[in-house]
N, C-alpha and C. Protein backbone atom coordinates (compact mmCIF):
# COMPACT_ATOMS: atom_id res chain seq x y z
N UNK A 1 42.19 -15.62 35.76
CA UNK A 1 40.86 -16.08 35.53
C UNK A 1 39.90 -16.32 36.66
N UNK A 2 38.81 -15.92 36.48
CA UNK A 2 37.63 -16.17 37.53
C UNK A 2 37.35 -17.74 37.57
N UNK A 3 37.14 -18.07 38.89
CA UNK A 3 36.61 -19.38 39.08
C UNK A 3 35.14 -19.62 38.57
N UNK A 4 35.05 -20.80 38.22
CA UNK A 4 33.65 -21.19 37.57
C UNK A 4 32.76 -21.65 38.63
N UNK A 5 31.64 -21.52 38.52
CA UNK A 5 30.77 -22.10 39.52
C UNK A 5 29.16 -22.56 38.83
N UNK A 6 28.82 -23.72 39.05
CA UNK A 6 27.68 -24.19 38.53
C UNK A 6 26.86 -24.69 39.73
N UNK A 7 25.89 -24.00 40.07
CA UNK A 7 25.17 -24.50 41.52
C UNK A 7 23.57 -24.25 41.42
N UNK A 8 22.91 -25.20 42.06
CA UNK A 8 21.58 -24.88 42.04
C UNK A 8 21.29 -24.53 43.55
N UNK A 9 20.53 -23.41 43.56
CA UNK A 9 20.43 -22.84 44.97
C UNK A 9 18.96 -22.62 45.43
N UNK A 10 18.79 -22.89 46.59
CA UNK A 10 17.51 -22.82 47.30
C UNK A 10 17.48 -21.80 48.50
N UNK A 11 16.39 -21.80 49.29
CA UNK A 11 16.25 -20.60 50.26
C UNK A 11 17.28 -21.25 51.55
N UNK A 12 17.90 -20.22 52.12
CA UNK A 12 19.02 -20.71 53.07
C UNK A 12 18.11 -20.45 54.39
N UNK A 13 18.38 -21.85 55.31
CA UNK A 13 17.72 -22.07 56.29
C UNK A 13 18.35 -21.23 57.28
N UNK A 14 19.89 -21.32 57.51
CA UNK A 14 20.43 -20.69 58.57
C UNK A 14 21.90 -20.52 58.20
N UNK A 15 22.56 -19.17 58.36
CA UNK A 15 23.86 -18.81 57.84
C UNK A 15 24.67 -18.68 59.41
N UNK A 16 25.76 -19.30 59.61
CA UNK A 16 26.34 -19.06 60.82
C UNK A 16 27.28 -17.83 60.73
N UNK A 17 27.85 -17.32 61.87
CA UNK A 17 28.83 -16.19 61.61
C UNK A 17 29.97 -16.60 60.83
N UNK A 18 30.47 -18.00 60.70
CA UNK A 18 31.59 -18.14 60.16
C UNK A 18 31.21 -18.34 58.43
N UNK A 19 30.14 -18.08 58.23
CA UNK A 19 29.58 -18.20 56.58
C UNK A 19 29.39 -19.31 56.16
N UNK A 20 29.34 -20.62 56.98
CA UNK A 20 29.05 -21.65 56.48
C UNK A 20 27.46 -21.81 56.49
N UNK A 21 26.78 -22.54 55.72
CA UNK A 21 25.31 -22.66 55.40
C UNK A 21 25.09 -23.96 56.00
N UNK A 22 24.46 -23.97 57.30
CA UNK A 22 23.95 -25.07 58.15
C UNK A 22 22.58 -25.20 57.63
N UNK A 23 22.25 -26.12 56.81
CA UNK A 23 20.81 -26.31 56.35
C UNK A 23 20.32 -27.75 56.43
N UNK A 24 19.08 -27.87 56.72
CA UNK A 24 18.42 -29.17 56.62
C UNK A 24 17.16 -28.92 55.91
N UNK A 25 17.13 -29.16 54.60
CA UNK A 25 15.85 -28.89 53.90
C UNK A 25 14.70 -30.02 53.78
N UNK A 26 13.64 -29.71 53.63
CA UNK A 26 12.61 -30.82 53.35
C UNK A 26 12.65 -31.43 52.05
N UNK A 27 13.41 -30.84 51.18
CA UNK A 27 13.56 -31.56 49.96
C UNK A 27 14.64 -31.04 49.22
N UNK A 28 15.16 -31.97 48.04
CA UNK A 28 16.45 -31.56 47.44
C UNK A 28 16.41 -30.21 47.07
N UNK A 29 15.30 -29.83 46.26
CA UNK A 29 15.20 -28.55 45.64
C UNK A 29 15.14 -27.24 46.51
N UNK A 30 15.13 -27.56 47.87
CA UNK A 30 15.27 -26.66 48.93
C UNK A 30 16.59 -26.36 49.54
N UNK A 31 17.49 -27.04 49.32
CA UNK A 31 18.67 -26.91 49.88
C UNK A 31 19.58 -25.66 49.32
N UNK A 32 20.59 -25.45 49.92
CA UNK A 32 21.32 -23.99 49.80
C UNK A 32 22.77 -24.56 49.86
N UNK A 33 23.38 -25.17 48.69
CA UNK A 33 24.87 -25.51 48.56
C UNK A 33 25.76 -24.30 48.83
N UNK A 34 26.90 -24.84 49.41
CA UNK A 34 28.04 -23.93 49.72
C UNK A 34 28.48 -23.33 48.31
N UNK A 35 28.68 -22.02 48.46
CA UNK A 35 28.97 -21.27 47.09
C UNK A 35 30.42 -21.38 46.81
N UNK A 36 30.87 -21.04 45.43
CA UNK A 36 32.30 -20.91 45.15
C UNK A 36 32.63 -19.51 45.59
N UNK A 37 33.87 -19.67 46.28
CA UNK A 37 34.57 -18.72 47.08
C UNK A 37 34.50 -18.74 48.60
N UNK A 38 33.51 -19.62 49.01
CA UNK A 38 33.21 -19.90 50.45
C UNK A 38 34.39 -20.68 51.01
N UNK A 39 34.89 -20.56 52.50
CA UNK A 39 35.68 -21.52 52.86
C UNK A 39 34.90 -22.62 53.34
N UNK A 40 35.28 -23.86 53.20
CA UNK A 40 34.85 -25.00 53.59
C UNK A 40 34.69 -25.21 55.12
N UNK A 41 33.51 -25.77 55.69
CA UNK A 41 33.42 -25.89 57.05
C UNK A 41 34.25 -26.84 57.72
N UNK A 42 34.66 -26.41 58.96
CA UNK A 42 35.54 -27.59 59.68
C UNK A 42 34.58 -28.76 60.13
N UNK A 43 34.85 -29.80 59.54
CA UNK A 43 34.03 -30.92 59.74
C UNK A 43 34.88 -32.33 59.78
N UNK A 44 34.35 -33.08 60.60
CA UNK A 44 34.96 -34.47 60.61
C UNK A 44 34.37 -35.58 60.08
N UNK A 45 34.86 -36.20 59.18
CA UNK A 45 34.38 -37.45 58.51
C UNK A 45 35.10 -38.50 59.17
N UNK A 46 34.75 -39.80 58.63
CA UNK A 46 35.06 -41.02 59.18
C UNK A 46 35.73 -41.90 58.03
N UNK A 47 37.01 -42.36 58.17
CA UNK A 47 37.65 -43.21 57.19
C UNK A 47 36.86 -44.53 57.28
N UNK A 48 37.24 -45.32 56.28
CA UNK A 48 36.71 -46.80 56.30
C UNK A 48 37.20 -47.62 57.33
N UNK A 49 38.57 -47.41 57.80
CA UNK A 49 39.01 -48.02 58.92
C UNK A 49 38.57 -47.32 60.34
N UNK A 50 37.70 -46.50 60.34
CA UNK A 50 36.98 -45.90 61.54
C UNK A 50 37.91 -44.68 62.04
N UNK A 51 38.86 -44.45 61.39
CA UNK A 51 39.81 -43.29 62.03
C UNK A 51 38.94 -42.03 61.64
N UNK A 52 39.20 -40.79 62.32
CA UNK A 52 38.67 -39.51 61.75
C UNK A 52 39.43 -39.13 60.80
N UNK A 53 38.91 -38.19 60.00
CA UNK A 53 39.30 -37.50 58.76
C UNK A 53 38.94 -36.07 58.87
N UNK A 54 39.88 -35.05 59.46
CA UNK A 54 39.60 -33.65 59.52
C UNK A 54 39.57 -32.96 58.30
N UNK A 55 38.51 -32.39 57.76
CA UNK A 55 38.50 -32.11 56.40
C UNK A 55 39.47 -30.96 56.08
N UNK A 56 39.29 -30.04 56.91
CA UNK A 56 40.19 -28.94 56.76
C UNK A 56 41.62 -29.14 56.62
N UNK A 57 42.17 -30.12 57.57
CA UNK A 57 43.48 -30.52 57.73
C UNK A 57 43.92 -31.39 56.33
N UNK A 58 43.00 -32.18 55.95
CA UNK A 58 43.10 -32.96 54.69
C UNK A 58 43.51 -32.08 53.45
N UNK A 59 42.51 -31.16 53.39
CA UNK A 59 42.62 -30.21 52.09
C UNK A 59 43.78 -29.48 52.18
N UNK A 60 44.21 -28.94 53.47
CA UNK A 60 45.47 -28.17 53.66
C UNK A 60 46.65 -28.93 52.88
N UNK A 61 46.67 -30.25 52.87
CA UNK A 61 47.83 -30.87 52.08
C UNK A 61 47.91 -30.73 50.77
N UNK A 62 46.75 -30.64 49.97
CA UNK A 62 46.91 -30.50 48.32
C UNK A 62 45.36 -30.28 47.93
N UNK A 63 45.45 -29.88 46.71
CA UNK A 63 44.05 -29.47 46.24
C UNK A 63 43.33 -30.55 46.28
N UNK A 64 41.94 -30.36 46.50
CA UNK A 64 40.81 -31.59 46.55
C UNK A 64 39.84 -31.37 45.86
N UNK A 65 39.32 -32.59 45.27
CA UNK A 65 37.99 -32.79 44.74
C UNK A 65 37.14 -33.42 45.76
N UNK A 66 36.20 -32.66 46.26
CA UNK A 66 35.20 -33.49 47.20
C UNK A 66 34.08 -34.00 46.08
N UNK A 67 33.73 -35.31 46.33
CA UNK A 67 32.45 -35.72 45.70
C UNK A 67 31.48 -36.03 46.68
N UNK A 68 30.22 -35.32 46.74
CA UNK A 68 29.08 -35.96 47.59
C UNK A 68 28.12 -36.81 46.98
N UNK A 69 27.92 -38.09 47.60
CA UNK A 69 27.24 -39.05 46.81
C UNK A 69 26.02 -39.62 47.68
N UNK A 70 24.92 -40.34 47.34
CA UNK A 70 23.98 -40.55 48.20
C UNK A 70 24.38 -41.80 48.99
N UNK A 71 25.16 -42.75 48.21
CA UNK A 71 25.42 -44.09 49.17
C UNK A 71 25.63 -44.98 47.93
N UNK A 72 26.23 -46.19 48.42
CA UNK A 72 26.53 -47.17 47.55
C UNK A 72 25.42 -47.82 46.84
N UNK A 73 24.42 -47.71 47.52
CA UNK A 73 23.07 -48.27 47.08
C UNK A 73 22.50 -47.51 45.78
N UNK A 74 23.01 -46.41 45.21
CA UNK A 74 22.55 -45.49 44.38
C UNK A 74 23.20 -45.93 43.00
N UNK A 75 22.63 -46.41 41.99
CA UNK A 75 23.14 -46.71 40.72
C UNK A 75 23.78 -45.57 39.98
N UNK A 76 23.06 -44.33 40.06
CA UNK A 76 23.68 -43.24 39.55
C UNK A 76 24.71 -42.59 40.04
N UNK A 77 24.91 -42.93 41.51
CA UNK A 77 26.11 -42.55 42.14
C UNK A 77 27.24 -43.53 41.92
N UNK A 78 26.95 -44.70 41.52
CA UNK A 78 28.05 -45.91 41.09
C UNK A 78 28.69 -45.36 39.81
N UNK A 79 27.67 -45.03 38.87
CA UNK A 79 28.00 -44.82 37.59
C UNK A 79 28.86 -43.55 37.54
N UNK A 80 28.68 -42.63 38.33
CA UNK A 80 29.29 -41.44 38.28
C UNK A 80 30.87 -41.71 38.82
N UNK A 81 30.84 -42.25 39.83
CA UNK A 81 32.02 -42.69 40.38
C UNK A 81 32.98 -43.47 39.44
N UNK A 82 32.24 -44.35 38.83
CA UNK A 82 32.85 -45.26 37.84
C UNK A 82 33.65 -44.39 36.83
N UNK A 83 32.82 -43.49 36.18
CA UNK A 83 33.43 -42.56 35.22
C UNK A 83 34.50 -41.72 35.71
N UNK A 84 34.35 -41.27 36.94
CA UNK A 84 35.40 -40.50 37.64
C UNK A 84 36.58 -41.12 37.78
N UNK A 85 36.66 -42.45 38.18
CA UNK A 85 37.82 -43.28 38.26
C UNK A 85 38.74 -43.11 36.90
N UNK A 86 38.05 -42.93 35.83
CA UNK A 86 38.88 -42.64 34.63
C UNK A 86 39.96 -41.41 34.67
N UNK A 87 39.28 -40.51 35.32
CA UNK A 87 40.06 -39.13 35.17
C UNK A 87 40.93 -39.05 36.45
N UNK A 88 40.76 -39.69 37.47
CA UNK A 88 41.67 -39.51 38.77
C UNK A 88 43.11 -39.36 38.30
N UNK A 89 43.50 -40.35 37.49
CA UNK A 89 44.88 -40.11 37.32
C UNK A 89 45.49 -38.78 36.69
N UNK A 90 44.58 -38.11 35.77
CA UNK A 90 44.74 -36.93 35.44
C UNK A 90 44.59 -35.97 36.52
N UNK A 91 43.65 -36.00 37.17
CA UNK A 91 43.88 -35.02 38.33
C UNK A 91 45.06 -35.17 39.35
N UNK A 92 45.32 -36.46 39.50
CA UNK A 92 46.57 -36.67 40.34
C UNK A 92 47.69 -36.18 39.84
N UNK A 93 47.85 -36.20 38.45
CA UNK A 93 49.08 -35.61 37.86
C UNK A 93 49.08 -34.17 37.97
N UNK A 94 48.06 -33.37 38.24
CA UNK A 94 47.73 -31.98 38.51
C UNK A 94 47.92 -31.73 39.96
N UNK A 95 48.19 -32.88 40.83
CA UNK A 95 48.29 -32.59 42.22
C UNK A 95 46.99 -32.52 43.04
N UNK A 96 45.90 -33.04 42.46
CA UNK A 96 44.50 -33.03 42.94
C UNK A 96 44.39 -34.33 43.47
N UNK A 97 43.86 -34.37 44.90
CA UNK A 97 43.33 -35.55 45.40
C UNK A 97 41.91 -35.59 45.36
N UNK A 98 41.34 -36.68 45.34
CA UNK A 98 39.71 -36.96 45.28
C UNK A 98 39.30 -37.77 46.63
N UNK A 99 38.11 -37.06 47.18
CA UNK A 99 37.60 -37.70 48.43
C UNK A 99 36.12 -37.97 47.93
N UNK A 100 35.63 -38.90 47.93
CA UNK A 100 33.92 -39.19 47.89
C UNK A 100 33.38 -39.58 49.20
N UNK A 101 32.47 -38.88 49.33
CA UNK A 101 31.86 -38.56 50.58
C UNK A 101 30.51 -39.09 50.59
N UNK A 102 29.95 -40.03 51.49
CA UNK A 102 28.59 -40.44 51.46
C UNK A 102 27.91 -40.71 52.93
N UNK A 103 26.79 -40.95 53.03
CA UNK A 103 26.18 -41.25 54.39
C UNK A 103 26.38 -42.54 54.90
N UNK A 104 26.92 -43.39 53.83
CA UNK A 104 27.38 -44.83 54.46
C UNK A 104 27.91 -44.91 55.58
N UNK A 105 27.78 -46.17 56.42
CA UNK A 105 28.77 -46.27 57.56
C UNK A 105 30.12 -46.58 57.11
N UNK A 106 31.02 -46.35 58.05
CA UNK A 106 32.51 -46.60 57.73
C UNK A 106 32.52 -48.20 57.43
N UNK A 107 31.90 -49.06 58.08
CA UNK A 107 31.86 -50.50 57.73
C UNK A 107 31.62 -50.90 56.34
N UNK A 108 30.50 -50.13 55.80
CA UNK A 108 30.10 -50.38 54.33
C UNK A 108 31.13 -49.91 53.42
N UNK A 109 31.72 -48.87 53.92
CA UNK A 109 32.84 -48.32 52.82
C UNK A 109 33.77 -49.32 52.75
N UNK A 110 34.20 -49.82 54.16
CA UNK A 110 35.29 -50.88 54.11
C UNK A 110 34.95 -52.19 53.33
N UNK A 111 33.79 -52.44 53.36
CA UNK A 111 33.38 -53.52 52.27
C UNK A 111 33.56 -53.46 51.01
N UNK A 112 33.33 -52.06 50.51
CA UNK A 112 33.31 -51.64 49.15
C UNK A 112 35.09 -51.78 48.70
N UNK A 113 35.62 -51.34 49.75
CA UNK A 113 37.27 -51.30 49.55
C UNK A 113 37.56 -52.76 49.40
N UNK A 114 37.13 -53.58 50.36
CA UNK A 114 37.61 -55.18 50.06
C UNK A 114 37.23 -55.93 48.76
N UNK A 115 36.49 -55.33 47.99
CA UNK A 115 36.20 -55.82 46.84
C UNK A 115 36.96 -55.45 45.69
N UNK A 116 37.97 -54.26 46.06
CA UNK A 116 38.89 -54.14 45.13
C UNK A 116 39.35 -52.66 45.28
N UNK A 117 40.70 -52.32 45.15
CA UNK A 117 41.25 -50.92 45.34
C UNK A 117 40.61 -49.99 44.40
N UNK A 118 40.50 -48.73 45.24
CA UNK A 118 39.99 -47.54 44.48
C UNK A 118 41.17 -46.75 44.44
N UNK A 119 41.24 -45.71 43.38
CA UNK A 119 42.29 -44.85 43.17
C UNK A 119 41.92 -43.23 43.76
N UNK A 120 40.62 -43.45 44.52
CA UNK A 120 40.43 -42.31 45.40
C UNK A 120 40.05 -42.56 46.72
N UNK A 121 39.76 -41.84 47.84
CA UNK A 121 39.40 -41.95 49.18
C UNK A 121 38.00 -41.98 49.25
N UNK A 122 37.43 -42.66 50.17
CA UNK A 122 36.13 -42.79 50.59
C UNK A 122 36.31 -42.35 51.91
N UNK A 123 34.98 -41.62 52.37
CA UNK A 123 34.92 -41.10 53.72
C UNK A 123 33.31 -41.16 54.06
N UNK A 124 33.11 -41.47 55.31
CA UNK A 124 31.70 -41.45 55.81
C UNK A 124 31.34 -40.18 56.49
N UNK A 125 30.17 -39.87 55.95
CA UNK A 125 29.42 -38.70 56.75
C UNK A 125 28.14 -39.25 57.40
N UNK A 126 28.02 -40.34 58.21
CA UNK A 126 27.01 -41.13 58.51
C UNK A 126 26.16 -40.19 59.38
N UNK A 127 26.85 -39.40 60.31
CA UNK A 127 26.04 -38.39 61.10
C UNK A 127 25.48 -37.19 60.59
N UNK A 128 25.83 -37.06 59.06
CA UNK A 128 25.17 -35.90 58.23
C UNK A 128 25.74 -34.71 58.58
N UNK A 129 26.92 -34.56 59.39
CA UNK A 129 27.29 -33.25 59.70
C UNK A 129 28.27 -32.40 58.53
N UNK A 130 28.58 -33.16 57.66
CA UNK A 130 29.40 -32.56 56.30
C UNK A 130 28.22 -31.96 55.54
N UNK A 131 27.23 -32.95 55.19
CA UNK A 131 26.14 -32.57 54.15
C UNK A 131 25.40 -31.24 54.64
N UNK A 132 24.99 -31.37 56.12
CA UNK A 132 24.39 -30.34 56.62
C UNK A 132 25.30 -28.94 56.46
N UNK A 133 26.79 -29.06 56.86
CA UNK A 133 27.38 -27.82 56.63
C UNK A 133 27.70 -27.36 55.45
N UNK A 134 27.71 -28.08 54.15
CA UNK A 134 27.73 -27.77 52.83
C UNK A 134 26.47 -27.51 52.46
N UNK A 135 25.48 -27.39 53.22
CA UNK A 135 24.10 -27.01 52.67
C UNK A 135 23.51 -27.86 51.84
N UNK A 136 23.93 -29.00 51.73
CA UNK A 136 23.49 -30.21 50.82
C UNK A 136 22.28 -31.04 51.45
N UNK A 137 21.98 -31.05 52.72
CA UNK A 137 21.20 -32.03 53.50
C UNK A 137 19.81 -31.94 53.32
N UNK A 138 19.03 -32.91 52.99
CA UNK A 138 17.66 -32.78 52.96
C UNK A 138 17.10 -34.01 53.37
N UNK A 139 15.88 -33.94 54.32
CA UNK A 139 15.31 -35.15 54.85
C UNK A 139 14.24 -35.93 53.97
N UNK A 140 14.52 -36.99 53.87
CA UNK A 140 13.60 -37.83 53.00
C UNK A 140 12.24 -38.14 53.62
N UNK A 141 11.13 -37.85 53.22
CA UNK A 141 9.93 -38.06 53.66
C UNK A 141 9.42 -39.33 53.66
N UNK A 142 8.28 -39.56 54.35
CA UNK A 142 7.60 -41.04 54.18
C UNK A 142 7.64 -41.63 52.94
N UNK A 143 7.22 -40.93 51.90
CA UNK A 143 6.72 -41.40 50.70
C UNK A 143 7.95 -41.76 50.11
N UNK A 144 9.09 -40.81 50.09
CA UNK A 144 10.23 -41.06 49.69
C UNK A 144 11.02 -42.58 50.22
N UNK A 145 10.98 -42.64 51.57
CA UNK A 145 11.47 -44.01 52.19
C UNK A 145 10.74 -45.20 51.69
N UNK A 146 9.35 -44.83 51.36
CA UNK A 146 8.32 -45.90 50.97
C UNK A 146 8.97 -46.39 49.39
N UNK A 147 9.27 -45.54 48.65
CA UNK A 147 9.62 -45.74 47.20
C UNK A 147 11.07 -46.61 47.49
N UNK A 148 12.02 -45.97 48.14
CA UNK A 148 13.47 -46.71 48.73
C UNK A 148 13.10 -48.03 48.97
N UNK A 149 12.47 -48.22 50.05
CA UNK A 149 12.29 -49.57 50.49
C UNK A 149 11.75 -50.44 49.39
N UNK A 150 10.92 -50.05 48.59
CA UNK A 150 10.26 -50.83 47.57
C UNK A 150 11.25 -51.34 46.60
N UNK A 151 12.55 -50.77 46.48
CA UNK A 151 13.67 -51.07 45.77
C UNK A 151 14.74 -51.90 46.53
N UNK A 152 14.39 -52.11 47.89
CA UNK A 152 15.12 -52.80 48.91
C UNK A 152 16.22 -51.81 49.53
N UNK A 153 16.09 -50.72 49.42
CA UNK A 153 17.01 -49.81 50.12
C UNK A 153 16.51 -49.35 51.24
N UNK A 154 17.46 -49.32 52.40
CA UNK A 154 17.03 -48.83 53.64
C UNK A 154 18.20 -47.95 54.06
N UNK A 155 17.71 -46.69 53.91
CA UNK A 155 18.77 -45.60 54.15
C UNK A 155 19.31 -45.49 55.43
N UNK A 156 18.43 -45.94 56.48
CA UNK A 156 18.66 -45.85 57.78
C UNK A 156 19.80 -46.73 58.25
N UNK A 157 19.75 -48.09 57.62
CA UNK A 157 20.50 -49.23 57.81
C UNK A 157 21.91 -48.91 57.11
N UNK A 158 21.82 -47.98 55.99
CA UNK A 158 23.11 -47.70 55.24
C UNK A 158 23.79 -46.82 56.17
N UNK A 159 23.31 -46.01 56.84
CA UNK A 159 23.86 -44.84 57.63
C UNK A 159 23.93 -45.19 58.99
N UNK A 160 23.30 -46.05 59.44
CA UNK A 160 23.24 -46.61 60.68
C UNK A 160 22.53 -45.41 61.81
N UNK A 161 21.96 -44.67 61.05
CA UNK A 161 21.25 -43.31 61.94
C UNK A 161 20.01 -43.33 61.48
N UNK A 162 19.20 -42.39 62.29
CA UNK A 162 17.79 -42.26 62.09
C UNK A 162 17.37 -40.91 61.37
N UNK A 163 18.41 -40.20 61.05
CA UNK A 163 18.13 -38.71 60.64
C UNK A 163 17.44 -38.93 59.50
N UNK A 164 17.48 -40.02 58.43
CA UNK A 164 16.92 -39.76 57.29
C UNK A 164 17.28 -38.70 56.14
N UNK A 165 18.46 -38.19 56.57
CA UNK A 165 19.26 -37.06 55.85
C UNK A 165 19.91 -37.83 54.72
N UNK A 166 19.55 -37.11 53.30
CA UNK A 166 20.52 -37.56 52.24
C UNK A 166 21.17 -36.34 51.58
N UNK A 167 22.40 -36.24 50.93
CA UNK A 167 23.00 -35.16 50.28
C UNK A 167 22.50 -34.93 48.97
N UNK A 168 22.27 -33.69 48.53
CA UNK A 168 22.28 -33.68 46.91
C UNK A 168 23.55 -33.83 46.50
N UNK A 169 23.64 -34.65 45.44
CA UNK A 169 24.93 -35.03 44.83
C UNK A 169 25.77 -33.68 44.53
N UNK A 170 27.10 -33.61 44.66
CA UNK A 170 27.50 -32.38 44.47
C UNK A 170 29.18 -32.76 44.41
N UNK A 171 29.79 -31.66 43.87
CA UNK A 171 31.28 -31.73 43.46
C UNK A 171 31.98 -30.19 43.72
N UNK A 172 32.99 -30.32 44.57
CA UNK A 172 33.67 -29.24 45.13
C UNK A 172 35.13 -29.27 44.79
N UNK A 173 35.53 -28.49 44.13
CA UNK A 173 37.08 -28.22 43.99
C UNK A 173 37.62 -27.05 45.18
N UNK A 174 38.47 -27.75 45.98
CA UNK A 174 38.99 -26.61 47.02
C UNK A 174 40.57 -26.60 47.05
N UNK A 175 40.84 -25.51 47.13
CA UNK A 175 42.53 -25.07 47.19
C UNK A 175 42.98 -25.45 48.48
N UNK A 176 44.19 -25.38 48.83
CA UNK A 176 44.71 -25.59 50.03
C UNK A 176 44.49 -24.57 51.12
N UNK A 177 43.88 -23.57 50.51
CA UNK A 177 43.54 -22.46 51.61
C UNK A 177 42.18 -22.73 52.20
N UNK A 178 41.69 -23.82 51.44
CA UNK A 178 40.10 -24.13 52.12
C UNK A 178 39.07 -23.43 51.44
N UNK A 179 39.50 -22.72 50.46
CA UNK A 179 38.53 -21.80 49.58
C UNK A 179 37.79 -22.73 48.35
N UNK A 180 36.74 -22.65 48.09
CA UNK A 180 35.74 -23.47 47.10
C UNK A 180 36.22 -22.60 45.84
N UNK A 181 36.76 -23.42 44.91
CA UNK A 181 37.03 -22.66 43.64
C UNK A 181 36.28 -23.06 42.67
N UNK A 182 35.47 -24.21 42.70
CA UNK A 182 34.55 -24.67 41.58
C UNK A 182 33.60 -25.36 42.56
N UNK A 183 32.08 -25.26 41.89
CA UNK A 183 31.16 -25.97 42.71
C UNK A 183 29.90 -26.50 41.69
N UNK A 184 29.50 -27.49 42.32
CA UNK A 184 28.21 -28.08 41.32
C UNK A 184 27.48 -28.81 42.17
N UNK A 185 26.19 -28.65 42.24
CA UNK A 185 25.21 -29.35 42.97
C UNK A 185 23.83 -29.06 42.13
N UNK A 186 23.27 -30.43 42.04
CA UNK A 186 21.81 -30.42 41.50
C UNK A 186 20.82 -31.24 42.17
N UNK A 187 19.67 -30.71 42.49
CA UNK A 187 18.82 -31.59 43.08
C UNK A 187 18.22 -32.71 42.47
N UNK A 188 18.40 -32.69 41.02
CA UNK A 188 18.08 -33.85 40.40
C UNK A 188 19.11 -34.85 40.31
N UNK A 189 18.95 -36.07 41.19
CA UNK A 189 20.02 -36.80 41.46
C UNK A 189 20.49 -37.76 40.11
N UNK A 190 19.98 -37.66 39.16
CA UNK A 190 20.10 -38.30 37.83
C UNK A 190 21.12 -37.52 37.24
N UNK A 191 21.21 -36.24 37.31
CA UNK A 191 22.10 -35.25 36.54
C UNK A 191 23.34 -35.07 37.46
N UNK A 192 24.54 -35.62 36.74
CA UNK A 192 25.90 -35.28 37.19
C UNK A 192 26.83 -34.49 36.72
N UNK A 193 27.85 -33.87 37.24
CA UNK A 193 28.94 -32.88 36.52
C UNK A 193 29.73 -34.11 35.67
N UNK A 194 30.11 -33.74 34.69
CA UNK A 194 30.94 -34.84 33.87
C UNK A 194 32.39 -34.76 34.26
N UNK A 195 33.07 -36.06 34.28
CA UNK A 195 34.28 -35.73 34.79
C UNK A 195 35.35 -34.76 34.07
N UNK A 196 35.15 -34.72 32.75
CA UNK A 196 35.89 -33.98 31.95
C UNK A 196 35.76 -32.46 32.32
N UNK A 197 34.53 -32.05 32.62
CA UNK A 197 34.48 -30.59 33.15
C UNK A 197 35.33 -30.47 34.53
N UNK A 198 35.13 -31.59 35.43
CA UNK A 198 36.07 -31.34 36.70
C UNK A 198 37.53 -31.29 36.39
N UNK A 199 37.98 -31.96 35.43
CA UNK A 199 39.48 -31.99 34.95
C UNK A 199 39.64 -30.56 34.53
N UNK A 200 38.61 -29.90 33.50
CA UNK A 200 38.83 -28.63 33.27
C UNK A 200 39.06 -27.50 34.38
N UNK A 201 37.99 -27.63 35.23
CA UNK A 201 38.03 -26.94 36.35
C UNK A 201 39.25 -26.91 37.20
N UNK A 202 39.87 -28.27 37.46
CA UNK A 202 40.95 -28.44 38.30
C UNK A 202 42.29 -27.53 37.47
N UNK A 203 42.30 -27.69 36.13
CA UNK A 203 43.34 -27.00 35.29
C UNK A 203 43.09 -25.65 35.72
N UNK A 204 41.89 -25.03 35.52
CA UNK A 204 41.73 -23.38 35.62
C UNK A 204 42.19 -23.10 37.25
N UNK A 205 41.49 -23.95 38.20
CA UNK A 205 42.09 -23.56 39.51
C UNK A 205 43.49 -23.54 39.82
N UNK A 206 44.31 -24.50 39.26
CA UNK A 206 45.64 -24.56 39.48
C UNK A 206 46.40 -23.53 38.58
N UNK A 207 45.67 -22.81 37.73
CA UNK A 207 46.36 -21.72 36.93
C UNK A 207 46.10 -20.41 37.67
N UNK A 208 45.31 -20.34 38.56
CA UNK A 208 44.87 -19.13 39.06
C UNK A 208 45.87 -18.80 40.24
N UNK A 209 46.31 -17.46 40.41
CA UNK A 209 47.27 -17.07 41.24
C UNK A 209 46.57 -16.75 42.45
N UNK A 210 46.95 -16.72 43.63
CA UNK A 210 46.42 -16.29 44.80
C UNK A 210 46.05 -14.84 45.01
N UNK A 211 45.08 -14.47 45.55
CA UNK A 211 44.92 -12.84 45.63
C UNK A 211 46.01 -12.21 46.65
N UNK A 212 46.33 -11.27 46.36
CA UNK A 212 47.52 -10.46 47.24
C UNK A 212 46.62 -9.56 48.14
């Protein structure tokens, strides 16, 4: 059975020889998300306790659902993660782990965990290395920064960095071979892939036989 992919793609800024799209777009609509069938890039995230998380090594342990979200300040992200929590047990029964990735500082993620345990992992991409490597990064302009600040949101304080980069919200199902089996990215941050679709995609991925 063929892998399914739902992705919104824009012009590619730069493609490395490895095939990873290292993009930093000027708007969410201009990003070029990593496609189904591509290997995930070799990037290092940071766990809430400050320890490194080597993404390829972590994914090699078991099939993984990667969720990129804008930050703990985003109500749409929090709603999506809340809904996702309901299907994590179904994913875990199928041997799939879940890692939610945001630009938030590790310290902010730790505070979120202190409020109560989660049934998925949190990882910080405060440097924006992962979102750029996955082709999801776009730089917020002054008007966007102003609108966010009007709502009491400071993305530079959230990440601890000055890059002003945010990810297009995205979901990737990745096999232990490091290949993307399902991808979803939408520049409209109000639109997210449903948890039910992710469970169905996980079932399809696990039913697939590796190519000989």
